Amino acid sequence: MKSIIAALRRNLQPHLDVVVNGRPLSLLLDTGAMITMISRSSWKRLGKPQLQDSDTVISAANGSKIPTDGRFEADFMLRKSDDRQHSGRGFVMSTKSLTFSAGNGFRRYQTSSIHCSST
């Protein structure tokens, strides 16, 4: 938490180190996002977990549509975890620009384990 506050004070984008399916990723904390997204290149680094079709329409803050390749099940664990698990969804973006974005649901799980479900 201290590193997030320090990043905000330096006008940097706040990031968290997260373990996804046993592999480390840097998570961009976007408290305004309602979902969690991961880029195609990060999805490949995770071993290409099987994607399921998704009919969810994702829109950016400006209203433009964000295309996705699908959704997948993944175990998310924040470092310094207290081993609690919570449910959510993971979406793979078809753009290359985003490393990882966590929706505002991540704020309350800053020291916990999150399980992303495909349902």
PDB file of N, CA and C in Angstrom:
ATOM      1  N   MET A   1       0.827  -1.191   0.000  1.00  0.00           N
ATOM      2  CA  MET A   1       0.000   0.000   0.000  1.00  0.00           C
ATOM      3  C   MET A   1       0.872   1.256   0.000  1.00  0.00           C
ATOM      4  N   LYS A   2       1.954   1.232   0.754  1.00  0.00           N
ATOM      5  CA  LYS A   2       2.829   2.401   0.799  1.00  0.00           C
ATOM      6  C   LYS A   2       3.401   2.711  -0.577  1.00  0.00           C
ATOM      7  N   SER A   3       3.714   1.665  -1.365  1.00  0.00           N
ATOM      8  CA  SER A   3       4.279   1.906  -2.688  1.00  0.00           C
ATOM      9  C   SER A   3       3.258   2.541  -3.622  1.00  0.00           C
ATOM     10  N   ILE A   4       1.979   2.209  -3.462  1.00  0.00           N
ATOM     11  CA  ILE A   4       0.932   2.830  -4.278  1.00  0.00           C
ATOM     12  C   ILE A   4       0.836   4.313  -3.938  1.00  0.00           C
ATOM     13  N   ILE A   5       0.819   4.622  -2.656  1.00  0.00           N
ATOM     14  CA  ILE A   5       0.730   6.019  -2.227  1.00  0.00           C
ATOM     15  C   ILE A   5       1.945   6.797  -2.719  1.00  0.00           C
ATOM     16  N   ALA A   6       3.134   6.215  -2.612  1.00  0.00           N
ATOM     17  CA  ALA A   6       4.349   6.882  -3.080  1.00  0.00           C
ATOM     18  C   ALA A   6       4.283   7.135  -4.583  1.00  0.00           C
ATOM     19  N   ALA A   7       3.782   6.176  -5.341  1.00  0.00           N
ATOM     20  CA  ALA A   7       3.657   6.341  -6.791  1.00  0.00           C
ATOM     21  C   ALA A   7       2.689   7.468  -7.121  1.00  0.00           C
ATOM     22  N   LEU A   8       1.594   7.542  -6.398  1.00  0.00           N
ATOM     23  CA  LEU A   8       0.621   8.603  -6.641  1.00  0.00           C
ATOM     24  C   LEU A   8       1.220   9.973  -6.340  1.00  0.00           C
ATOM     25  N   ARG A   9       2.027  10.056  -5.307  1.00  0.00           N
ATOM     26  CA  ARG A   9       2.656  11.330  -4.956  1.00  0.00           C
ATOM     27  C   ARG A   9       3.640  11.781  -6.030  1.00  0.00           C
ATOM     28  N   ARG A  10       4.251  10.845  -6.740  1.00  0.00           N
ATOM     29  CA  ARG A  10       5.209  11.176  -7.797  1.00  0.00           C
ATOM     30  C   ARG A  10       4.513  11.294  -9.155  1.00  0.00           C
ATOM     31  N   ASN A  11       3.177  11.268  -9.179  1.00  0.00           N
ATOM     32  CA  ASN A  11       2.405  11.330 -10.418  1.00  0.00           C
ATOM     33  C   ASN A  11       2.736  10.180 -11.359  1.00  0.00           C
ATOM     34  N   LEU A  12       3.060   9.039 -10.813  1.00  0.00           N
ATOM     35  CA  LEU A  12       3.284   7.839 -11.609  1.00  0.00           C
ATOM     36  C   LEU A  12       2.021   7.001 -11.580  1.00  0.00           C
ATOM     37  N   GLN A  13       1.901   6.097 -12.531  1.00  0.00           N
ATOM     38  CA  GLN A  13       0.756   5.194 -12.516  1.00  0.00           C
ATOM     39  C   GLN A  13       0.961   4.165 -11.408  1.00  0.00           C
ATOM     40  N   PRO A  14      -0.045   3.958 -10.551  1.00  0.00           N
ATOM     41  CA  PRO A  14       0.117   3.000  -9.453  1.00  0.00           C
ATOM     42  C   PRO A  14       0.079   1.562  -9.965  1.00  0.00           C
ATOM     43  N   HIS A  15       1.071   0.784  -9.611  1.00  0.00           N
ATOM     44  CA  HIS A  15       1.159  -0.623 -10.003  1.00  0.00           C
ATOM     45  C   HIS A  15       1.271  -1.506  -8.767  1.00  0.00           C
ATOM     46  N   LEU A  16       0.770  -2.709  -8.887  1.00  0.00           N
ATOM     47  CA  LEU A  16       0.918  -3.736  -7.864  1.00  0.00           C
ATOM     48  C   LEU A  16       1.581  -4.938  -8.498  1.00  0.00           C
ATOM     49  N   ASP A  17       2.423  -5.620  -7.746  1.00  0.00           N
ATOM     50  CA  ASP A  17       2.976  -6.885  -8.217  1.00  0.00           C
ATOM     51  C   ASP A  17       1.992  -7.981  -7.869  1.00  0.00           C
ATOM     52  N   VAL A  18       1.554  -8.728  -8.874  1.00  0.00           N
ATOM     53  CA  VAL A  18       0.533  -9.754  -8.712  1.00  0.00           C
ATOM     54  C   VAL A  18       1.051 -11.055  -9.301  1.00  0.00           C
ATOM     55  N   VAL A  19       0.690 -12.168  -8.684  1.00  0.00           N
ATOM     56  CA  VAL A  19       1.009 -13.481  -9.238  1.00  0.00           C
ATOM     57  C   VAL A  19      -0.270 -14.018  -9.873  1.00  0.00           C
ATOM     58  N   VAL A  20      -0.217 -14.305 -11.169  1.00  0.00           N
ATOM     59  CA  VAL A  20      -1.365 -14.820 -11.912  1.00  0.00           C
ATOM     60  C   VAL A  20      -1.001 -16.208 -12.416  1.00  0.00           C
ATOM     61  N   ASN A  21      -1.785 -17.203 -12.015  1.00  0.00           N
ATOM     62  CA  ASN A  21      -1.493 -18.597 -12.387  1.00  0.00           C
ATOM     63  C   ASN A  21      -0.036 -18.954 -12.094  1.00  0.00           C
ATOM     64  N   GLY A  22       0.466 -18.473 -10.974  1.00  0.00           N
ATOM     65  CA  GLY A  22       1.817 -18.800 -10.555  1.00  0.00           C
ATOM     66  C   GLY A  22       2.912 -17.990 -11.215  1.00  0.00           C
ATOM     67  N   ARG A  23       2.554 -17.013 -12.051  1.00  0.00           N
ATOM     68  CA  ARG A  23       3.562 -16.206 -12.757  1.00  0.00           C
ATOM     69  C   ARG A  23       3.390 -14.734 -12.391  1.00  0.00           C
ATOM     70  N   PRO A  24       4.502 -14.029 -12.145  1.00  0.00           N
ATOM     71  CA  PRO A  24       4.400 -12.628 -11.727  1.00  0.00           C
ATOM     72  C   PRO A  24       4.050 -11.690 -12.885  1.00  0.00           C
ATOM     73  N   LEU A  25       3.190 -10.735 -12.596  1.00  0.00           N
ATOM     74  CA  LEU A  25       2.854  -9.654 -13.528  1.00  0.00           C
ATOM     75  C   LEU A  25       2.769  -8.363 -12.729  1.00  0.00           C
ATOM     76  N   SER A  26       2.977  -7.254 -13.409  1.00  0.00           N
ATOM     77  CA  SER A  26       2.775  -5.952 -12.793  1.00  0.00           C
ATOM     78  C   SER A  26       1.374  -5.491 -13.154  1.00  0.00           C
ATOM     79  N   LEU A  27       0.600  -5.120 -12.162  1.00  0.00           N
ATOM     80  CA  LEU A  27      -0.798  -4.758 -12.343  1.00  0.00           C
ATOM     81  C   LEU A  27      -0.953  -3.251 -12.261  1.00  0.00           C
ATOM     82  N   LEU A  28      -1.551  -2.660 -13.270  1.00  0.00           N
ATOM     83  CA  LEU A  28      -1.886  -1.239 -13.240  1.00  0.00           C
ATOM     84  C   LEU A  28      -3.199  -1.099 -12.488  1.00  0.00           C
ATOM     85  N   LEU A  29      -3.182  -0.400 -11.388  1.00  0.00           N
ATOM     86  CA  LEU A  29      -4.375  -0.243 -10.574  1.00  0.00           C
ATOM     87  C   LEU A  29      -5.232   0.873 -11.152  1.00  0.00           C
ATOM     88  N   ASP A  30      -6.394   0.514 -11.672  1.00  0.00           N
ATOM     89  CA  ASP A  30      -7.337   1.469 -12.247  1.00  0.00           C
ATOM     90  C   ASP A  30      -8.602   1.399 -11.416  1.00  0.00           C
ATOM     91  N   THR A  31      -8.715   2.288 -10.445  1.00  0.00           N
ATOM     92  CA  THR A  31      -9.840   2.217  -9.517  1.00  0.00           C
ATOM     93  C   THR A  31     -11.168   2.578 -10.162  1.00  0.00           C
ATOM     94  N   GLY A  32     -11.136   3.129 -11.374  1.00  0.00           N
ATOM     95  CA  GLY A  32     -12.374   3.450 -12.072  1.00  0.00           C
ATOM     96  C   GLY A  32     -12.884   2.318 -12.943  1.00  0.00           C
ATOM     97  N   ALA A  33     -12.065   1.294 -13.142  1.00  0.00           N
ATOM     98  CA  ALA A  33     -12.457   0.175 -14.006  1.00  0.00           C
ATOM     99  C   ALA A  33     -13.388  -0.771 -13.256  1.00  0.00           C
ATOM    100  N   MET A  34     -14.362  -1.299 -13.961  1.00  0.00           N
ATOM    101  CA  MET A  34     -15.304  -2.239 -13.357  1.00  0.00           C
ATOM    102  C   MET A  34     -14.882  -3.690 -13.567  1.00  0.00           C
ATOM    103  N   ILE A  35     -13.927  -3.929 -14.445  1.00  0.00           N
ATOM    104  CA  ILE A  35     -13.469  -5.283 -14.731  1.00  0.00           C
ATOM    105  C   ILE A  35     -11.950  -5.323 -14.682  1.00  0.00           C
ATOM    106  N   THR A  36     -11.410  -6.522 -14.740  1.00  0.00           N
ATOM    107  CA  THR A  36      -9.967  -6.716 -14.800  1.00  0.00           C
ATOM    108  C   THR A  36      -9.602  -7.168 -16.199  1.00  0.00           C
ATOM    109  N   MET A  37      -8.585  -6.541 -16.807  1.00  0.00           N
ATOM    110  CA  MET A  37      -8.175  -6.879 -18.169  1.00  0.00           C
ATOM    111  C   MET A  37      -6.690  -7.195 -18.194  1.00  0.00           C
ATOM    112  N   ILE A  38      -6.302  -7.996 -19.168  1.00  0.00           N
ATOM    113  CA  ILE A  38      -4.908  -8.354 -19.372  1.00  0.00           C
ATOM    114  C   ILE A  38      -4.637  -8.341 -20.875  1.00  0.00           C
ATOM    115  N   SER A  39      -3.451  -7.913 -21.272  1.00  0.00           N
ATOM    116  CA  SER A  39      -3.132  -7.830 -22.700  1.00  0.00           C
ATOM    117  C   SER A  39      -2.884  -9.214 -23.287  1.00  0.00           C
ATOM    118  N   ARG A  40      -2.918  -9.279 -24.597  1.00  0.00           N
ATOM    119  CA  ARG A  40      -2.648 -10.539 -25.290  1.00  0.00           C
ATOM    120  C   ARG A  40      -1.229 -11.021 -25.003  1.00  0.00           C
ATOM    121  N   SER A  41      -0.256 -10.102 -24.974  1.00  0.00           N
ATOM    122  CA  SER A  41       1.127 -10.525 -24.712  1.00  0.00           C
ATOM    123  C   SER A  41       1.284 -11.067 -23.291  1.00  0.00           C
ATOM    124  N   SER A  42       0.604 -10.468 -22.320  1.00  0.00           N
ATOM    125  CA  SER A  42       0.657 -11.000 -20.953  1.00  0.00           C
ATOM    126  C   SER A  42      -0.067 -12.339 -20.866  1.00  0.00           C
ATOM    127  N   TRP A  43      -1.170 -12.477 -21.610  1.00  0.00           N
ATOM    128  CA  TRP A  43      -1.896 -13.753 -21.655  1.00  0.00           C
ATOM    129  C   TRP A  43      -0.968 -14.854 -22.168  1.00  0.00           C
ATOM    130  N   LYS A  44      -0.167 -14.535 -23.180  1.00  0.00           N
ATOM    131  CA  LYS A  44       0.793 -15.515 -23.703  1.00  0.00           C
ATOM    132  C   LYS A  44       1.838 -15.863 -22.649  1.00  0.00           C
ATOM    133  N   ARG A  45       2.310 -14.851 -21.888  1.00  0.00           N
ATOM    134  CA  ARG A  45       3.280 -15.113 -20.818  1.00  0.00           C
ATOM    135  C   ARG A  45       2.702 -16.003 -19.729  1.00  0.00           C
ATOM    136  N   LEU A  46       1.392 -16.016 -19.598  1.00  0.00           N
ATOM    137  CA  LEU A  46       0.728 -16.871 -18.610  1.00  0.00           C
ATOM    138  C   LEU A  46       0.533 -18.288 -19.125  1.00  0.00           C
ATOM    139  N   GLY A  47       1.021 -18.581 -20.321  1.00  0.00           N
ATOM    140  CA  GLY A  47       0.880 -19.922 -20.879  1.00  0.00           C
ATOM    141  C   GLY A  47      -0.371 -20.098 -21.711  1.00  0.00           C
ATOM    142  N   LYS A  48      -0.978 -19.003 -22.145  1.00  0.00           N
ATOM    143  CA  LYS A  48      -2.181 -19.028 -22.978  1.00  0.00           C
ATOM    144  C   LYS A  48      -3.312 -19.848 -22.356  1.00  0.00           C
ATOM    145  N   PRO A  49      -3.794 -19.455 -21.171  1.00  0.00           N
ATOM    146  CA  PRO A  49      -4.922 -20.189 -20.592  1.00  0.00           C
ATOM    147  C   PRO A  49      -6.099 -20.205 -21.568  1.00  0.00           C
ATOM    148  N   GLN A  50      -6.841 -21.302 -21.558  1.00  0.00           N
ATOM    149  CA  GLN A  50      -7.940 -21.473 -22.509  1.00  0.00           C
ATOM    150  C   GLN A  50      -8.945 -20.336 -22.382  1.00  0.00           C
ATOM    151  N   LEU A  51      -9.276 -19.740 -23.524  1.00  0.00           N
ATOM    152  CA  LEU A  51     -10.237 -18.645 -23.563  1.00  0.00           C
ATOM    153  C   LEU A  51     -11.632 -19.175 -23.845  1.00  0.00           C
ATOM    154  N   GLN A  52     -12.603 -18.557 -23.214  1.00  0.00           N
ATOM    155  CA  GLN A  52     -14.006 -18.841 -23.479  1.00  0.00           C
ATOM    156  C   GLN A  52     -14.612 -17.598 -24.113  1.00  0.00           C
ATOM    157  N   ASP A  53     -15.606 -17.813 -24.965  1.00  0.00           N
ATOM    158  CA  ASP A  53     -16.294 -16.686 -25.588  1.00  0.00           C
ATOM    159  C   ASP A  53     -16.958 -15.835 -24.519  1.00  0.00           C
ATOM    160  N   SER A  54     -17.050 -14.558 -24.794  1.00  0.00           N
ATOM    161  CA  SER A  54     -17.708 -13.638 -23.880  1.00  0.00           C
ATOM    162  C   SER A  54     -18.559 -12.672 -24.687  1.00  0.00           C
ATOM    163  N   ASP A  55     -19.788 -12.475 -24.250  1.00  0.00           N
ATOM    164  CA  ASP A  55     -20.657 -11.512 -24.922  1.00  0.00           C
ATOM    165  C   ASP A  55     -20.671 -10.171 -24.186  1.00  0.00           C
ATOM    166  N   THR A  56     -19.791 -10.019 -23.219  1.00  0.00           N
ATOM    167  CA  THR A  56     -19.700  -8.771 -22.474  1.00  0.00           C
ATOM    168  C   THR A  56     -19.140  -7.671 -23.369  1.00  0.00           C
ATOM    169  N   VAL A  57     -19.811  -6.535 -23.394  1.00  0.00           N
ATOM    170  CA  VAL A  57     -19.342  -5.378 -24.151  1.00  0.00           C
ATOM    171  C   VAL A  57     -18.554  -4.494 -23.188  1.00  0.00           C
ATOM    172  N   ILE A  58     -17.304  -4.215 -23.550  1.00  0.00           N
ATOM    173  CA  ILE A  58     -16.441  -3.410 -22.694  1.00  0.00           C
ATOM    174  C   ILE A  58     -16.245  -2.053 -23.349  1.00  0.00           C
ATOM    175  N   SER A  59     -16.456  -1.000 -22.569  1.00  0.00           N
ATOM    176  CA  SER A  59     -16.304   0.363 -23.079  1.00  0.00           C
ATOM    177  C   SER A  59     -15.250   1.105 -22.276  1.00  0.00           C
ATOM    178  N   ALA A  60     -14.483   1.952 -22.961  1.00  0.00           N
ATOM    179  CA  ALA A  60     -13.508   2.819 -22.309  1.00  0.00           C
ATOM    180  C   ALA A  60     -14.248   3.993 -21.673  1.00  0.00           C
ATOM    181  N   ALA A  61     -13.528   4.784 -20.899  1.00  0.00           N
ATOM    182  CA  ALA A  61     -14.139   5.937 -20.238  1.00  0.00           C
ATOM    183  C   ALA A  61     -14.753   6.910 -21.239  1.00  0.00           C
ATOM    184  N   ASN A  62     -14.193   6.972 -22.453  1.00  0.00           N
ATOM    185  CA  ASN A  62     -14.730   7.883 -23.467  1.00  0.00           C
ATOM    186  C   ASN A  62     -15.873   7.264 -24.272  1.00  0.00           C
ATOM    187  N   GLY A  63     -16.267   6.036 -23.930  1.00  0.00           N
ATOM    188  CA  GLY A  63     -17.381   5.379 -24.602  1.00  0.00           C
ATOM    189  C   GLY A  63     -16.998   4.480 -25.755  1.00  0.00           C
ATOM    190  N   SER A  64     -15.748   4.530 -26.199  1.00  0.00           N
ATOM    191  CA  SER A  64     -15.341   3.659 -27.309  1.00  0.00           C
ATOM    192  C   SER A  64     -15.290   2.204 -26.843  1.00  0.00           C
ATOM    193  N   LYS A  65     -15.609   1.304 -27.749  1.00  0.00           N
ATOM    194  CA  LYS A  65     -15.644  -0.125 -27.432  1.00  0.00           C
ATOM    195  C   LYS A  65     -14.230  -0.692 -27.393  1.00  0.00           C
ATOM    196  N   ILE A  66     -13.979  -1.590 -26.458  1.00  0.00           N
ATOM    197  CA  ILE A  66     -12.690  -2.260 -26.335  1.00  0.00           C
ATOM    198  C   ILE A  66     -12.898  -3.720 -26.720  1.00  0.00           C
ATOM    199  N   PRO A  67     -12.323  -4.153 -27.836  1.00  0.00           N
ATOM    200  CA  PRO A  67     -12.495  -5.554 -28.248  1.00  0.00           C
ATOM    201  C   PRO A  67     -11.702  -6.491 -27.336  1.00  0.00           C
ATOM    202  N   THR A  68     -12.256  -7.661 -27.076  1.00  0.00           N
ATOM    203  CA  THR A  68     -11.561  -8.666 -26.270  1.00  0.00           C
ATOM    204  C   THR A  68     -11.480  -9.967 -27.047  1.00  0.00           C
ATOM    205  N   ASP A  69     -10.501 -10.774 -26.697  1.00  0.00           N
ATOM    206  CA  ASP A  69     -10.353 -12.091 -27.306  1.00  0.00           C
ATOM    207  C   ASP A  69     -11.194 -13.132 -26.582  1.00  0.00           C
ATOM    208  N   GLY A  70     -11.601 -12.862 -25.371  1.00  0.00           N
ATOM    209  CA  GLY A  70     -12.388 -13.803 -24.587  1.00  0.00           C
ATOM    210  C   GLY A  70     -12.061 -13.657 -23.117  1.00  0.00           C
ATOM    211  N   ARG A  71     -12.597 -14.571 -22.323  1.00  0.00           N
ATOM    212  CA  ARG A  71     -12.331 -14.558 -20.887  1.00  0.00           C
ATOM    213  C   ARG A  71     -11.677 -15.868 -20.501  1.00  0.00           C
ATOM    214  N   PHE A  72     -11.056 -15.894 -19.342  1.00  0.00           N
ATOM    215  CA  PHE A  72     -10.359 -17.093 -18.897  1.00  0.00           C
ATOM    216  C   PHE A  72     -10.422 -17.193 -17.385  1.00  0.00           C
ATOM    217  N   GLU A  73     -10.222 -18.399 -16.883  1.00  0.00           N
ATOM    218  CA  GLU A  73     -10.128 -18.613 -15.445  1.00  0.00           C
ATOM    219  C   GLU A  73      -8.682 -18.491 -15.031  1.00  0.00           C
ATOM    220  N   ALA A  74      -8.438 -17.789 -13.945  1.00  0.00           N
ATOM    221  CA  ALA A  74      -7.066 -17.648 -13.455  1.00  0.00           C
ATOM    222  C   ALA A  74      -7.082 -17.399 -11.958  1.00  0.00           C
ATOM    223  N   ASP A  75      -6.044 -17.843 -11.294  1.00  0.00           N
ATOM    224  CA  ASP A  75      -5.855 -17.528  -9.883  1.00  0.00           C
ATOM    225  C   ASP A  75      -4.961 -16.307  -9.784  1.00  0.00           C
ATOM    226  N   PHE A  76      -5.455 -15.267  -9.112  1.00  0.00           N
ATOM    227  CA  PHE A  76      -4.701 -14.050  -8.895  1.00  0.00           C
ATOM    228  C   PHE A  76      -4.308 -13.999  -7.427  1.00  0.00           C
ATOM    229  N   MET A  77      -3.052 -13.776  -7.138  1.00  0.00           N
ATOM    230  CA  MET A  77      -2.634 -13.615  -5.758  1.00  0.00           C
ATOM    231  C   MET A  77      -1.760 -12.376  -5.645  1.00  0.00           C
ATOM    232  N   LEU A  78      -2.201 -11.485  -4.780  1.00  0.00           N
ATOM    233  CA  LEU A  78      -1.384 -10.315  -4.506  1.00  0.00           C
ATOM    234  C   LEU A  78      -0.265 -10.741  -3.569  1.00  0.00           C
ATOM    235  N   ARG A  79       0.916 -10.190  -3.751  1.00  0.00           N
ATOM    236  CA  ARG A  79       2.018 -10.496  -2.844  1.00  0.00           C
ATOM    237  C   ARG A  79       1.648 -10.025  -1.443  1.00  0.00           C
ATOM    238  N   LYS A  80       2.209 -10.660  -0.433  1.00  0.00           N
ATOM    239  CA  LYS A  80       1.866 -10.409   0.967  1.00  0.00           C
ATOM    240  C   LYS A  80       0.413 -10.798   1.216  1.00  0.00           C
ATOM    241  N   SER A  81      -0.003 -11.879   0.609  1.00  0.00           N
ATOM    242  CA  SER A  81      -1.391 -12.329   0.687  1.00  0.00           C
ATOM    243  C   SER A  81      -1.729 -12.894   2.057  1.00  0.00           C
ATOM    244  N   ASP A  82      -2.993 -12.742   2.440  1.00  0.00           N
ATOM    245  CA  ASP A  82      -3.479 -13.371   3.664  1.00  0.00           C
ATOM    246  C   ASP A  82      -4.211 -14.673   3.357  1.00  0.00           C
ATOM    247  N   ASP A  83      -4.085 -15.162   2.129  1.00  0.00           N
ATOM    248  CA  ASP A  83      -4.629 -16.437   1.659  1.00  0.00           C
ATOM    249  C   ASP A  83      -6.146 -16.479   1.526  1.00  0.00           C
ATOM    250  N   ARG A  84      -6.849 -15.343   1.651  1.00  0.00           N
ATOM    251  CA  ARG A  84      -8.286 -15.346   1.380  1.00  0.00           C
ATOM    252  C   ARG A  84      -8.496 -15.342  -0.124  1.00  0.00           C
ATOM    253  N   GLN A  85      -9.615 -15.935  -0.581  1.00  0.00           N
ATOM    254  CA  GLN A  85      -9.923 -15.949  -2.009  1.00  0.00           C
ATOM    255  C   GLN A  85     -11.262 -15.277  -2.264  1.00  0.00           C
ATOM    256  N   HIS A  86     -11.316 -14.561  -3.368  1.00  0.00           N
ATOM    257  CA  HIS A  86     -12.522 -13.855  -3.786  1.00  0.00           C
ATOM    258  C   HIS A  86     -12.718 -14.108  -5.274  1.00  0.00           C
ATOM    259  N   SER A  87     -13.931 -13.955  -5.784  1.00  0.00           N
ATOM    260  CA  SER A  87     -14.221 -14.268  -7.184  1.00  0.00           C
ATOM    261  C   SER A  87     -14.268 -13.020  -8.053  1.00  0.00           C
ATOM    262  N   GLY A  88     -13.933 -13.205  -9.343  1.00  0.00           N
ATOM    263  CA  GLY A  88     -13.989 -12.136 -10.331  1.00  0.00           C
ATOM    264  C   GLY A  88     -13.785 -12.735 -11.704  1.00  0.00           C
ATOM    265  N   ARG A  89     -13.688 -11.908 -12.741  1.00  0.00           N
ATOM    266  CA  ARG A  89     -13.474 -12.379 -14.111  1.00  0.00           C
ATOM    267  C   ARG A  89     -12.219 -11.751 -14.682  1.00  0.00           C
ATOM    268  N   GLY A  90     -11.563 -12.487 -15.573  1.00  0.00           N
ATOM    269  CA  GLY A  90     -10.412 -11.955 -16.297  1.00  0.00           C
ATOM    270  C   GLY A  90     -10.744 -11.866 -17.773  1.00  0.00           C
ATOM    271  N   PHE A  91     -10.458 -10.745 -18.407  1.00  0.00           N
ATOM    272  CA  PHE A  91     -10.686 -10.557 -19.834  1.00  0.00           C
ATOM    273  C   PHE A  91      -9.358 -10.308 -20.527  1.00  0.00           C
ATOM    274  N   VAL A  92      -9.180 -10.881 -21.701  1.00  0.00           N
ATOM    275  CA  VAL A  92      -7.975 -10.657 -22.489  1.00  0.00           C
ATOM    276  C   VAL A  92      -8.283  -9.627 -23.559  1.00  0.00           C
ATOM    277  N   MET A  93      -7.521  -8.545 -23.566  1.00  0.00           N
ATOM    278  CA  MET A  93      -7.713  -7.504 -24.573  1.00  0.00           C
ATOM    279  C   MET A  93      -7.004  -7.881 -25.855  1.00  0.00           C
ATOM    280  N   SER A  94      -7.511  -7.408 -26.960  1.00  0.00           N
ATOM    281  CA  SER A  94      -6.867  -7.684 -28.235  1.00  0.00           C
ATOM    282  C   SER A  94      -5.850  -6.609 -28.607  1.00  0.00           C
ATOM    283  N   THR A  95      -5.669  -5.600 -27.756  1.00  0.00           N
ATOM    284  CA  THR A  95      -4.658  -4.578 -28.020  1.00  0.00           C
ATOM    285  C   THR A  95      -3.371  -4.944 -27.301  1.00  0.00           C
ATOM    286  N   LYS A  96      -2.272  -4.342 -27.725  1.00  0.00           N
ATOM    287  CA  LYS A  96      -0.977  -4.650 -27.130  1.00  0.00           C
ATOM    288  C   LYS A  96      -0.550  -3.616 -26.099  1.00  0.00           C
ATOM    289  N   SER A  97      -1.316  -2.558 -25.922  1.00  0.00           N
ATOM    290  CA  SER A  97      -0.850  -1.435 -25.114  1.00  0.00           C
ATOM    291  C   SER A  97      -0.981  -1.627 -23.612  1.00  0.00           C
ATOM    292  N   LEU A  98      -1.898  -2.442 -23.161  1.00  0.00           N
ATOM    293  CA  LEU A  98      -2.148  -2.578 -21.731  1.00  0.00           C
ATOM    294  C   LEU A  98      -1.429  -3.793 -21.182  1.00  0.00           C
ATOM    295  N   THR A  99      -0.673  -3.617 -20.122  1.00  0.00           N
ATOM    296  CA  THR A  99      -0.021  -4.756 -19.487  1.00  0.00           C
ATOM    297  C   THR A  99      -1.018  -5.486 -18.607  1.00  0.00           C
ATOM    298  N   PHE A 100      -1.684  -4.774 -17.725  1.00  0.00           N
ATOM    299  CA  PHE A 100      -2.645  -5.399 -16.837  1.00  0.00           C
ATOM    300  C   PHE A 100      -3.405  -4.277 -16.154  1.00  0.00           C
ATOM    301  N   SER A 101      -4.684  -4.388 -16.078  1.00  0.00           N
ATOM    302  CA  SER A 101      -5.468  -3.372 -15.399  1.00  0.00           C
ATOM    303  C   SER A 101      -6.422  -4.047 -14.443  1.00  0.00           C
ATOM    304  N   ALA A 102      -6.443  -3.582 -13.234  1.00  0.00           N
ATOM    305  CA  ALA A 102      -7.349  -4.148 -12.238  1.00  0.00           C
ATOM    306  C   ALA A 102      -8.470  -3.169 -11.974  1.00  0.00           C
ATOM    307  N   GLY A 103      -9.675  -3.674 -11.958  1.00  0.00           N
ATOM    308  CA  GLY A 103     -10.827  -2.836 -11.675  1.00  0.00           C
ATOM    309  C   GLY A 103     -10.894  -2.436 -10.217  1.00  0.00           C
ATOM    310  N   ASN A 104     -11.897  -1.617  -9.877  1.00  0.00           N
ATOM    311  CA  ASN A 104     -11.957  -1.089  -8.524  1.00  0.00           C
ATOM    312  C   ASN A 104     -12.217  -2.156  -7.481  1.00  0.00           C
ATOM    313  N   GLY A 105     -12.637  -3.334  -7.880  1.00  0.00           N
ATOM    314  CA  GLY A 105     -12.808  -4.421  -6.930  1.00  0.00           C
ATOM    315  C   GLY A 105     -11.512  -4.838  -6.272  1.00  0.00           C
ATOM    316  N   PHE A 106     -10.379  -4.582  -6.939  1.00  0.00           N
ATOM    317  CA  PHE A 106      -9.081  -4.946  -6.378  1.00  0.00           C
ATOM    318  C   PHE A 106      -8.732  -4.084  -5.176  1.00  0.00           C
ATOM    319  N   ARG A 107      -9.283  -2.895  -5.062  1.00  0.00           N
ATOM    320  CA  ARG A 107      -8.918  -2.011  -3.947  1.00  0.00           C
ATOM    321  C   ARG A 107      -9.189  -2.681  -2.612  1.00  0.00           C
ATOM    322  N   ARG A 108     -10.281  -3.396  -2.484  1.00  0.00           N
ATOM    323  CA  ARG A 108     -10.610  -3.994  -1.192  1.00  0.00           C
ATOM    324  C   ARG A 108      -9.862  -5.292  -0.944  1.00  0.00           C
ATOM    325  N   TYR A 109      -9.154  -5.801  -1.946  1.00  0.00           N
ATOM    326  CA  TYR A 109      -8.416  -7.052  -1.799  1.00  0.00           C
ATOM    327  C   TYR A 109      -6.912  -6.821  -1.882  1.00  0.00           C
ATOM    328  N   GLN A 110      -6.438  -5.695  -1.413  1.00  0.00           N
ATOM    329  CA  GLN A 110      -5.037  -5.351  -1.597  1.00  0.00           C
ATOM    330  C   GLN A 110      -4.092  -6.364  -0.974  1.00  0.00           C
ATOM    331  N   THR A 111      -4.526  -7.103   0.017  1.00  0.00           N
ATOM    332  CA  THR A 111      -3.641  -8.094   0.633  1.00  0.00           C
ATOM    333  C   THR A 111      -4.298  -9.462   0.628  1.00  0.00           C
ATOM    334  N   SER A 112      -5.019  -9.776  -0.417  1.00  0.00           N
ATOM    335  CA  SER A 112      -5.688 -11.063  -0.452  1.00  0.00           C
ATOM    336  C   SER A 112      -5.512 -11.754  -1.781  1.00  0.00           C
ATOM    337  N   SER A 113      -6.034 -12.961  -1.858  1.00  0.00           N
ATOM    338  CA  SER A 113      -5.953 -13.779  -3.059  1.00  0.00           C
ATOM    339  C   SER A 113      -7.275 -13.660  -3.790  1.00  0.00           C
ATOM    340  N   ILE A 114      -7.225 -13.532  -5.097  1.00  0.00           N
ATOM    341  CA  ILE A 114      -8.446 -13.377  -5.881  1.00  0.00           C
ATOM    342  C   ILE A 114      -8.516 -14.485  -6.912  1.00  0.00           C
ATOM    343  N   HIS A 115      -9.638 -15.179  -6.978  1.00  0.00           N
ATOM    344  CA  HIS A 115      -9.841 -16.232  -7.975  1.00  0.00           C
ATOM    345  C   HIS A 115     -10.766 -15.687  -9.040  1.00  0.00           C
ATOM    346  N   CYS A 116     -10.314 -15.682 -10.277  1.00  0.00           N
ATOM    347  CA  CYS A 116     -11.151 -15.214 -11.382  1.00  0.00           C
ATOM    348  C   CYS A 116     -11.907 -16.385 -11.964  1.00  0.00           C
ATOM    349  N   SER A 117     -13.190 -16.255 -12.056  1.00  0.00           N
ATOM    350  CA  SER A 117     -14.062 -17.321 -12.518  1.00  0.00           C
ATOM    351  C   SER A 117     -14.565 -17.018 -13.911  1.00  0.00           C
ATOM    352  N   SER A 118     -14.857 -18.053 -14.663  1.00  0.00           N
ATOM    353  CA  SER A 118     -15.367 -17.863 -16.022  1.00  0.00           C
ATOM    354  C   SER A 118     -16.879 -17.798 -16.048  1.00  0.00           C
ATOM    355  N   THR A 119     -17.537 -17.833 -14.920  1.00  0.00           N
ATOM    356  CA  THR A 119     -18.999 -17.788 -14.901  1.00  0.00           C
ATOM    357  C   THR A 119     -19.509 -16.462 -14.435  1.00  0.00           C
TER     358      THR A 119
END
